[in-house]
């Protein structure tokens, strides 16, 4: 994914690929429906397509039912420990 130019990314990776404004603008547009009018439950990749990104397929693991169930189980275990 994008490594937006933030303190966290610079500290972790020492470099960034995109401006933090790009990420903020995309989130705003997705939240307000400006680029989502005909998209429902689709993955948005801000590094795909035109400069703002495009809708496409998520990582194959996102569609793997057994991996989804393991993630839910592990998440429940972690949350119960709090």
N, C-alpha and C. Protein backbone atom coordinates (compact mmCIF):
# COMPACT_ATOMS: atom_id res chain seq x y z
N UNK A 1 0.81 -1.18 0.00
CA UNK A 1 0.00 0.00 0.00
C UNK A 1 0.85 1.24 0.00
N UNK A 2 0.22 2.36 0.11
CA UNK A 2 0.91 3.64 0.12
C UNK A 2 1.57 3.88 1.46
N UNK A 3 2.76 4.38 1.40
CA UNK A 3 3.42 4.86 2.60
C UNK A 3 3.30 6.37 2.57
N UNK A 4 2.27 6.87 3.25
CA UNK A 4 2.01 8.31 3.24
C UNK A 4 3.05 9.04 4.07
N UNK A 5 3.36 10.23 3.69
CA UNK A 5 4.39 11.03 4.34
C UNK A 5 3.90 11.51 5.72
N UNK A 6 4.03 10.63 6.71
CA UNK A 6 3.67 10.93 8.09
C UNK A 6 4.85 10.60 8.99
N UNK A 7 4.85 11.12 10.21
CA UNK A 7 5.92 10.82 11.14
C UNK A 7 6.05 9.32 11.38
N UNK A 8 4.92 8.64 11.54
CA UNK A 8 4.94 7.21 11.81
C UNK A 8 5.63 6.45 10.68
N UNK A 9 5.31 6.78 9.43
CA UNK A 9 5.92 6.10 8.28
C UNK A 9 7.40 6.43 8.20
N UNK A 10 7.76 7.70 8.38
CA UNK A 10 9.18 8.07 8.32
C UNK A 10 9.99 7.36 9.39
N UNK A 11 9.44 7.28 10.62
CA UNK A 11 10.15 6.60 11.70
C UNK A 11 10.27 5.10 11.44
N UNK A 12 9.24 4.49 10.89
CA UNK A 12 9.25 3.04 10.67
C UNK A 12 10.05 2.63 9.43
N UNK A 13 9.95 3.41 8.35
CA UNK A 13 10.53 3.00 7.07
C UNK A 13 11.61 3.94 6.54
N UNK A 14 11.70 5.14 7.10
CA UNK A 14 12.71 6.08 6.66
C UNK A 14 12.40 6.79 5.35
N UNK A 15 11.28 6.45 4.73
CA UNK A 15 10.89 7.08 3.47
C UNK A 15 9.38 7.01 3.31
N UNK A 16 8.87 7.78 2.38
CA UNK A 16 7.43 7.74 2.08
C UNK A 16 7.25 7.73 0.57
N UNK A 17 6.08 7.31 0.12
CA UNK A 17 5.80 7.25 -1.30
C UNK A 17 4.81 8.32 -1.75
N UNK A 18 3.91 8.72 -0.86
CA UNK A 18 2.85 9.66 -1.23
C UNK A 18 2.68 10.69 -0.14
N UNK A 19 2.13 11.83 -0.50
CA UNK A 19 1.89 12.87 0.50
C UNK A 19 0.72 12.48 1.40
N UNK A 20 0.76 12.97 2.62
CA UNK A 20 -0.34 12.72 3.55
C UNK A 20 -1.63 13.36 3.02
N UNK A 21 -1.50 14.45 2.29
CA UNK A 21 -2.68 15.09 1.68
C UNK A 21 -3.41 14.14 0.75
N UNK A 22 -2.66 13.34 -0.02
CA UNK A 22 -3.29 12.38 -0.94
C UNK A 22 -4.17 11.43 -0.15
N UNK A 23 -3.65 10.88 0.93
CA UNK A 23 -4.44 9.96 1.75
C UNK A 23 -5.65 10.62 2.35
N UNK A 24 -5.48 11.83 2.88
CA UNK A 24 -6.60 12.55 3.47
C UNK A 24 -7.68 12.89 2.46
N UNK A 25 -7.25 13.32 1.30
CA UNK A 25 -8.22 13.68 0.25
C UNK A 25 -9.01 12.46 -0.22
N UNK A 26 -8.33 11.33 -0.37
CA UNK A 26 -9.02 10.12 -0.81
C UNK A 26 -10.03 9.67 0.23
N UNK A 27 -9.64 9.68 1.50
CA UNK A 27 -10.57 9.29 2.57
C UNK A 27 -11.78 10.21 2.58
N UNK A 28 -11.58 11.51 2.41
CA UNK A 28 -12.69 12.46 2.36
C UNK A 28 -13.62 12.13 1.20
N UNK A 29 -13.04 11.91 0.02
CA UNK A 29 -13.87 11.62 -1.16
C UNK A 29 -14.63 10.31 -0.99
N UNK A 30 -13.98 9.29 -0.42
CA UNK A 30 -14.67 8.02 -0.19
C UNK A 30 -15.80 8.20 0.82
N UNK A 31 -15.56 8.96 1.88
CA UNK A 31 -16.57 9.16 2.93
C UNK A 31 -17.75 9.99 2.46
N UNK A 32 -17.52 10.92 1.56
CA UNK A 32 -18.60 11.80 1.11
C UNK A 32 -19.27 11.31 -0.16
N UNK A 33 -18.80 10.21 -0.71
CA UNK A 33 -19.45 9.61 -1.86
C UNK A 33 -19.09 10.19 -3.20
N UNK A 34 -18.12 11.09 -3.26
CA UNK A 34 -17.78 11.70 -4.54
C UNK A 34 -17.24 10.70 -5.56
N UNK A 35 -16.55 9.67 -5.11
CA UNK A 35 -16.02 8.69 -6.04
C UNK A 35 -16.61 7.30 -5.81
N UNK A 36 -17.66 7.22 -5.01
CA UNK A 36 -18.23 5.92 -4.68
C UNK A 36 -19.68 5.77 -5.12
N UNK A 37 -20.18 6.64 -5.94
CA UNK A 37 -21.59 6.64 -6.29
C UNK A 37 -22.10 5.29 -6.78
N UNK A 38 -21.31 4.58 -7.57
CA UNK A 38 -21.76 3.30 -8.12
C UNK A 38 -21.03 2.10 -7.53
N UNK A 39 -20.31 2.30 -6.46
CA UNK A 39 -19.51 1.22 -5.86
C UNK A 39 -20.07 0.85 -4.50
N UNK A 40 -20.35 -0.43 -4.30
CA UNK A 40 -20.86 -0.91 -3.02
C UNK A 40 -20.03 -2.13 -2.63
N UNK A 41 -19.47 -2.11 -1.43
CA UNK A 41 -18.70 -3.23 -0.89
C UNK A 41 -17.51 -3.62 -1.76
N UNK A 42 -16.92 -2.68 -2.44
CA UNK A 42 -15.74 -2.95 -3.26
C UNK A 42 -14.51 -2.37 -2.60
N UNK A 43 -13.37 -2.98 -2.86
CA UNK A 43 -12.09 -2.56 -2.31
C UNK A 43 -11.57 -1.37 -3.10
N UNK A 44 -11.07 -0.37 -2.38
CA UNK A 44 -10.49 0.80 -3.03
C UNK A 44 -8.99 0.77 -2.86
N UNK A 45 -8.26 0.85 -3.96
CA UNK A 45 -6.80 0.84 -3.95
C UNK A 45 -6.33 2.21 -4.42
N UNK A 46 -5.75 3.00 -3.50
CA UNK A 46 -5.36 4.35 -3.88
C UNK A 46 -4.08 4.38 -4.72
N UNK A 47 -3.50 3.21 -5.03
CA UNK A 47 -2.34 3.17 -5.91
C UNK A 47 -2.69 2.59 -7.28
N UNK A 48 -3.97 2.36 -7.53
CA UNK A 48 -4.42 1.74 -8.78
C UNK A 48 -5.11 2.78 -9.64
N UNK A 49 -4.93 2.69 -10.93
CA UNK A 49 -5.69 3.55 -11.84
C UNK A 49 -5.17 4.98 -11.88
N UNK A 50 -6.09 5.92 -11.92
CA UNK A 50 -5.71 7.33 -12.04
C UNK A 50 -5.03 7.81 -10.75
N UNK A 51 -4.57 9.05 -10.69
CA UNK A 51 -3.82 9.51 -9.51
C UNK A 51 -4.56 9.37 -8.18
N UNK A 52 -5.89 9.36 -8.17
CA UNK A 52 -6.57 9.18 -6.89
C UNK A 52 -6.78 7.73 -6.53
N UNK A 53 -6.66 6.82 -7.49
CA UNK A 53 -6.88 5.41 -7.23
C UNK A 53 -8.09 4.90 -7.97
N UNK A 54 -8.43 3.63 -7.70
CA UNK A 54 -9.57 3.01 -8.38
C UNK A 54 -10.05 1.82 -7.57
N UNK A 55 -11.24 1.37 -7.88
CA UNK A 55 -11.78 0.18 -7.23
C UNK A 55 -11.23 -1.05 -7.92
N UNK A 56 -10.95 -2.08 -7.15
CA UNK A 56 -10.41 -3.31 -7.69
C UNK A 56 -10.57 -4.44 -6.70
N UNK A 57 -9.86 -5.51 -6.92
CA UNK A 57 -9.90 -6.68 -6.05
C UNK A 57 -8.94 -6.48 -4.88
N UNK A 58 -9.37 -6.93 -3.71
CA UNK A 58 -8.50 -6.92 -2.53
C UNK A 58 -7.53 -8.09 -2.64
N UNK A 59 -6.62 -8.21 -1.70
CA UNK A 59 -5.70 -9.33 -1.64
C UNK A 59 -6.52 -10.62 -1.60
N UNK A 60 -6.08 -11.69 -2.25
CA UNK A 60 -6.85 -12.95 -2.26
C UNK A 60 -7.22 -13.46 -0.87
N UNK A 61 -6.40 -13.20 0.14
CA UNK A 61 -6.71 -13.64 1.50
C UNK A 61 -8.02 -13.04 2.01
N UNK A 62 -8.39 -11.88 1.49
CA UNK A 62 -9.63 -11.23 1.94
C UNK A 62 -10.87 -12.01 1.53
N UNK A 63 -10.73 -12.94 0.60
CA UNK A 63 -11.85 -13.73 0.11
C UNK A 63 -11.80 -15.19 0.60
N UNK A 64 -10.77 -15.53 1.37
CA UNK A 64 -10.56 -16.90 1.85
C UNK A 64 -11.33 -17.09 3.16
N UNK A 65 -12.42 -17.86 3.09
CA UNK A 65 -13.31 -18.01 4.25
C UNK A 65 -12.60 -18.57 5.47
N UNK A 66 -11.69 -19.52 5.30
CA UNK A 66 -10.99 -20.08 6.46
C UNK A 66 -10.08 -19.04 7.11
N UNK A 67 -9.44 -18.21 6.32
CA UNK A 67 -8.59 -17.14 6.88
C UNK A 67 -9.45 -16.07 7.56
N UNK A 68 -10.59 -15.79 7.00
CA UNK A 68 -11.51 -14.83 7.62
C UNK A 68 -11.95 -15.34 8.99
N UNK A 69 -12.32 -16.60 9.06
CA UNK A 69 -12.76 -17.19 10.33
C UNK A 69 -11.63 -17.20 11.36
N UNK A 70 -10.40 -17.52 10.92
CA UNK A 70 -9.26 -17.49 11.85
C UNK A 70 -9.00 -16.09 12.37
N UNK A 71 -9.14 -15.10 11.49
CA UNK A 71 -8.95 -13.71 11.91
C UNK A 71 -10.01 -13.31 12.94
N UNK A 72 -11.25 -13.67 12.71
CA UNK A 72 -12.32 -13.35 13.65
C UNK A 72 -12.08 -14.03 14.99
N UNK A 73 -11.68 -15.30 14.96
CA UNK A 73 -11.41 -16.03 16.20
C UNK A 73 -10.27 -15.39 16.97
N UNK A 74 -9.19 -15.07 16.28
CA UNK A 74 -8.03 -14.45 16.94
C UNK A 74 -8.39 -13.07 17.48
N UNK A 75 -9.14 -12.31 16.72
CA UNK A 75 -9.57 -10.98 17.17
C UNK A 75 -10.41 -11.09 18.43
N UNK A 76 -11.34 -12.04 18.47
CA UNK A 76 -12.15 -12.26 19.66
C UNK A 76 -11.28 -12.62 20.86
N UNK A 77 -10.26 -13.48 20.66
CA UNK A 77 -9.36 -13.86 21.74
C UNK A 77 -8.61 -12.64 22.28
N UNK A 78 -8.12 -11.83 21.39
CA UNK A 78 -7.37 -10.64 21.81
C UNK A 78 -8.28 -9.69 22.57
N UNK A 79 -9.48 -9.46 22.07
CA UNK A 79 -10.40 -8.52 22.72
C UNK A 79 -10.84 -9.03 24.09
N UNK A 80 -11.01 -10.34 24.24
CA UNK A 80 -11.40 -10.89 25.54
C UNK A 80 -10.31 -10.76 26.58
N UNK A 81 -9.05 -10.62 26.15
CA UNK A 81 -7.94 -10.51 27.10
C UNK A 81 -7.88 -9.11 27.72
N UNK A 82 -8.66 -8.17 27.21
CA UNK A 82 -8.67 -6.82 27.78
C UNK A 82 -9.73 -6.76 28.80
